[in-house]
Amino acid sequence: MSYSIISKQNPLILASASPRRRRLLEQAGLPFRSVTSQVGEDGIFGNPEHDVCLLAEKKACAVYPLVRGSWVLGADTMVIMDGMDSHVPDQQPDGSAIILGKPENAGDAGNMLRLISGKEHRVITGFCILDPSGQIIHSEAISTRVFIKELTDREIQDYINTKEPFGKAGSYAIQGIGSFMVKGISGSYTNVVGLPLYALIKALISAGTLKSFPLVPD
């Protein structure tokens, strides 16, 4: 079946209220509008790549009844550390990985920042595309390795005092002040921010939602 392509008159529906994901889509020049999914992100501890795709699918499917006939994008991001650590409660039962969510308070943020200090972690984003009939036509997880410098206690406290760690998985924002601690990455930068734009645009073109890219302004 043939559907209308994404345009200003037929925008992509982003099943998220994330300002970072909205900003990435704006930077890419993709017409979209945001609809919050209200899907919880806790309680799934299996394979991280599978989990982020499952959550992305749940978000997209939750929003679809509100926007029938539109292309829908769902996404979910996890920050993962391998191994066990007594400071962080959200870890898989087998000890294979630690899920670093959004800090609940300054102490929680400090624990996460001390955990990632001087180490490597992974940021995994799953995204899902629904066609206008509500069928899942693409689901994929993208992983990026992030290398953090050794952080001093003063740096950790000063960064927490900026308030930026709050509301951020892993307690930092690579696109903000938190960039000072990132020695380097291996993989997609936009994936760490919240959406792997290269993979997303490739999938949108393959699915027939876009004829070409970049889009030419009307």
Protein backbone atom coordinates (compact mmCIF):
# COMPACT_ATOMS: atom_id res chain seq x y z
CA MET A 1 0.00 0.00 0.00
CA SER A 2 1.23 3.49 -0.82
CA TYR A 3 1.10 6.24 1.80
CA SER A 4 1.75 9.97 1.72
CA ILE A 5 5.34 10.94 2.40
CA ILE A 6 6.36 13.08 5.36
CA SER A 7 5.81 16.79 4.71
CA LYS A 8 4.70 19.94 6.50
CA GLN A 9 1.13 18.92 5.73
CA ASN A 10 1.79 15.33 6.86
CA PRO A 11 4.40 15.57 9.64
CA LEU A 12 6.12 12.68 11.35
CA ILE A 13 4.69 12.08 14.84
CA LEU A 14 7.36 11.89 17.53
CA ALA A 15 6.03 9.80 20.42
CA SER A 16 8.09 11.72 22.96
CA ALA A 17 8.22 14.99 24.85
CA SER A 18 12.03 14.92 24.95
CA PRO A 19 13.41 18.39 24.11
CA ARG A 20 16.65 16.76 22.93
CA ARG A 21 14.88 14.54 20.39
CA ARG A 22 12.76 17.45 19.20
CA ARG A 23 15.87 19.57 18.74
CA LEU A 24 17.59 16.85 16.71
CA LEU A 25 14.62 16.51 14.35
CA GLU A 26 14.49 20.29 13.98
CA GLN A 27 18.20 20.41 13.15
CA ALA A 28 17.68 17.72 10.52
CA GLY A 29 14.84 19.70 8.95
CA LEU A 30 12.28 16.91 9.34
CA PRO A 31 8.65 18.09 9.64
CA PHE A 32 7.22 16.63 12.84
CA ARG A 33 5.02 17.22 15.83
CA SER A 34 5.42 15.78 19.30
CA VAL A 35 2.82 13.70 21.17
CA THR A 36 3.74 12.40 24.62
CA SER A 37 3.33 8.64 24.99
CA GLN A 38 2.93 8.33 28.82
CA VAL A 39 4.63 4.90 28.66
CA GLY A 40 6.76 4.05 31.72
CA GLU A 41 10.43 3.23 31.14
CA ASP A 42 11.16 1.13 34.23
CA GLY A 43 11.04 -2.56 35.06
CA ILE A 44 12.63 -4.14 31.98
CA PHE A 45 15.92 -5.93 32.60
CA GLY A 46 16.77 -8.31 29.79
CA ASN A 47 18.92 -7.68 26.76
CA PRO A 48 19.43 -3.88 26.55
CA GLU A 49 19.21 -3.78 22.74
CA HIS A 50 15.95 -5.72 22.88
CA ASP A 51 14.60 -3.64 25.76
CA VAL A 52 15.11 -0.23 24.11
CA CYS A 53 13.41 -1.48 20.94
CA LEU A 54 10.51 -2.89 22.95
CA LEU A 55 10.05 0.39 24.82
CA ALA A 56 10.29 2.37 21.58
CA GLU A 57 7.59 0.15 20.07
CA LYS A 58 5.36 0.56 23.13
CA LYS A 59 5.67 4.35 22.97
CA ALA A 60 4.86 4.48 19.26
CA CYS A 61 1.90 2.10 19.62
CA ALA A 62 0.54 4.05 22.61
CA VAL A 63 0.47 7.26 20.59
CA TYR A 64 -0.85 5.80 17.31
CA PRO A 65 -4.59 5.76 18.30
CA LEU A 66 -4.34 9.53 18.79
CA VAL A 67 -2.82 10.18 15.35
CA ARG A 68 -4.21 7.48 13.07
CA GLY A 69 -3.07 7.83 9.48
CA SER A 70 0.33 9.34 10.37
CA TRP A 71 3.86 8.00 10.40
CA VAL A 72 4.91 7.55 14.04
CA LEU A 73 8.39 7.44 15.59
CA GLY A 74 9.05 5.99 19.03
CA ALA A 75 12.44 6.02 20.74
CA ASP A 76 14.07 5.02 24.02
CA THR A 77 17.62 5.51 25.27
CA MET A 78 19.55 3.59 27.94
CA VAL A 79 22.96 4.27 29.47
CA ILE A 80 24.69 0.98 30.28
CA MET A 81 27.73 0.05 32.39
CA ASP A 82 29.05 -3.49 32.40
CA GLY A 83 29.53 -5.23 35.76
CA MET A 84 28.13 -4.79 39.25
CA ASP A 85 28.43 -1.79 41.55
CA SER A 86 27.00 -1.41 45.04
CA HIS A 87 26.15 2.28 44.54
CA VAL A 88 23.67 1.70 41.72
CA PRO A 89 20.43 -0.24 42.33
CA ASP A 90 19.14 -0.60 38.75
CA GLN A 91 21.23 -3.50 37.51
CA GLN A 92 20.38 -6.74 35.82
CA PRO A 93 20.08 -9.75 38.13
CA ASP A 94 22.94 -11.63 36.46
CA GLY A 95 25.34 -8.72 36.98
CA SER A 96 25.97 -8.34 33.26
CA ALA A 97 25.10 -4.64 33.13
CA ILE A 98 24.07 -1.63 35.16
CA ILE A 99 21.26 0.56 33.86
CA LEU A 100 21.99 4.22 34.60
CA GLY A 101 18.68 6.04 34.60
CA LYS A 102 17.84 9.63 35.52
CA PRO A 103 19.12 10.66 38.96
CA GLU A 104 16.52 11.13 41.67
CA ASN A 105 18.64 13.57 43.69
CA ALA A 106 22.14 15.04 44.02
CA GLY A 107 23.47 11.99 45.84
CA ASP A 108 22.20 9.70 43.08
CA ALA A 109 23.80 11.93 40.43
CA GLY A 110 27.09 11.92 42.31
CA ASN A 111 27.10 8.12 42.51
CA MET A 112 26.51 7.81 38.76
CA LEU A 113 29.20 10.34 37.88
CA ARG A 114 31.71 8.58 40.13
CA LEU A 115 30.77 5.29 38.50
CA ILE A 116 31.37 6.48 34.92
CA SER A 117 34.47 8.52 35.86
CA GLY A 118 37.55 7.26 34.01
CA LYS A 119 35.60 4.47 32.35
CA GLU A 120 33.77 3.52 29.20
CA HIS A 121 30.01 3.06 28.99
CA ARG A 122 27.47 2.44 26.26
CA VAL A 123 24.52 4.55 25.18
CA ILE A 124 21.91 2.48 23.35
CA THR A 125 18.94 4.04 21.57
CA GLY A 126 16.15 1.97 20.11
CA PHE A 127 13.78 3.50 17.60
CA CYS A 128 10.61 2.22 15.97
CA ILE A 129 8.66 3.48 12.95
CA LEU A 130 4.94 2.77 12.47
CA ASP A 131 3.36 3.24 9.05
CA PRO A 132 0.02 5.12 8.75
CA SER A 133 -1.89 1.84 9.23
CA GLY A 134 -0.21 1.33 12.62
CA GLN A 135 2.10 -1.51 11.54
CA ILE A 136 5.70 -1.66 12.78
CA ILE A 137 7.85 -1.35 9.67
CA HIS A 138 11.23 -0.74 11.29
CA SER A 139 12.75 -1.37 14.72
CA GLU A 140 16.45 -1.01 15.44
CA ALA A 141 18.91 -0.40 18.28
CA ILE A 142 22.07 1.67 17.84
CA SER A 143 24.94 1.57 20.35
CA THR A 144 27.65 4.18 20.95
CA ARG A 145 30.63 3.80 23.28
CA VAL A 146 31.44 6.88 25.39
CA PHE A 147 34.77 7.43 27.15
CA ILE A 148 34.73 9.64 30.27
CA LYS A 149 37.78 11.34 31.77
CA GLU A 150 38.75 10.93 35.43
CA LEU A 151 36.53 13.31 37.36
CA THR A 152 37.64 15.01 40.55
CA ASP A 153 35.27 15.41 43.49
CA ARG A 154 35.25 19.17 42.82
CA GLU A 155 34.27 18.65 39.17
CA ILE A 156 31.48 16.28 40.13
CA GLN A 157 30.07 18.65 42.76
CA ASP A 158 30.36 21.70 40.52
CA TYR A 159 28.64 19.88 37.66
CA ILE A 160 25.80 18.76 39.94
CA ASN A 161 25.44 22.38 41.08
CA THR A 162 24.72 23.42 37.48
CA LYS A 163 21.54 21.27 37.72
CA GLU A 164 22.23 19.83 34.26
CA PRO A 165 22.55 16.19 35.42
CA PHE A 166 18.90 16.08 36.50
CA GLY A 167 16.53 14.61 33.96
CA LYS A 168 19.45 13.04 32.05
CA ALA A 169 20.10 9.30 31.85
CA GLY A 170 23.58 8.68 33.23
CA SER A 171 23.54 12.12 34.92
CA TYR A 172 25.21 14.05 32.10
CA ALA A 173 24.42 15.80 28.81
CA ILE A 174 27.00 15.37 26.05
CA GLN A 175 25.46 18.30 24.16
CA GLY A 176 25.70 20.62 27.16
CA ILE A 177 28.12 21.46 29.96
CA GLY A 178 28.71 17.73 30.38
CA SER A 179 30.75 17.74 27.18
CA PHE A 180 33.78 18.72 29.31
CA MET A 181 34.02 15.17 30.66
CA VAL A 182 33.74 13.27 27.36
CA LYS A 183 37.21 12.22 26.12
CA GLY A 184 35.75 10.65 23.01
CA ILE A 185 33.10 8.41 21.52
CA SER A 186 32.97 5.46 19.16
CA GLY A 187 29.80 5.58 17.09
CA SER A 188 26.97 8.05 16.54
CA TYR A 189 27.09 11.35 18.46
CA THR A 190 23.39 12.06 17.93
CA ASN A 191 22.63 8.61 19.34
CA VAL A 192 24.09 9.76 22.67
CA VAL A 193 21.91 12.88 22.55
CA GLY A 194 18.79 10.75 22.00
CA LEU A 195 18.28 9.84 18.32
CA PRO A 196 20.72 8.20 15.88
CA LEU A 197 19.94 10.50 12.95
CA TYR A 198 22.01 8.64 10.35
CA ALA A 199 20.22 5.34 11.05
CA LEU A 200 16.83 7.02 11.42
CA ILE A 201 16.98 8.91 8.11
CA LYS A 202 18.26 5.80 6.32
CA ALA A 203 15.30 3.84 7.73
CA LEU A 204 12.79 6.57 6.80
CA ILE A 205 14.02 6.59 3.20
CA SER A 206 13.99 2.78 3.00
CA ALA A 207 10.45 2.72 4.38
CA GLY A 208 9.26 5.16 1.73
CA THR A 209 8.44 7.95 4.16
CA LEU A 210 10.88 10.27 2.37
CA LYS A 211 11.68 10.40 -1.34
CA SER A 212 15.10 11.90 -0.68
CA PHE A 213 17.12 13.79 1.88
CA PRO A 214 17.95 16.58 2.73
CA LEU A 215 14.50 18.05 2.27
CA VAL A 216 14.21 21.15 0.11
CA PRO A 217 12.27 23.94 1.88
CA ASP A 218 8.95 24.86 0.29
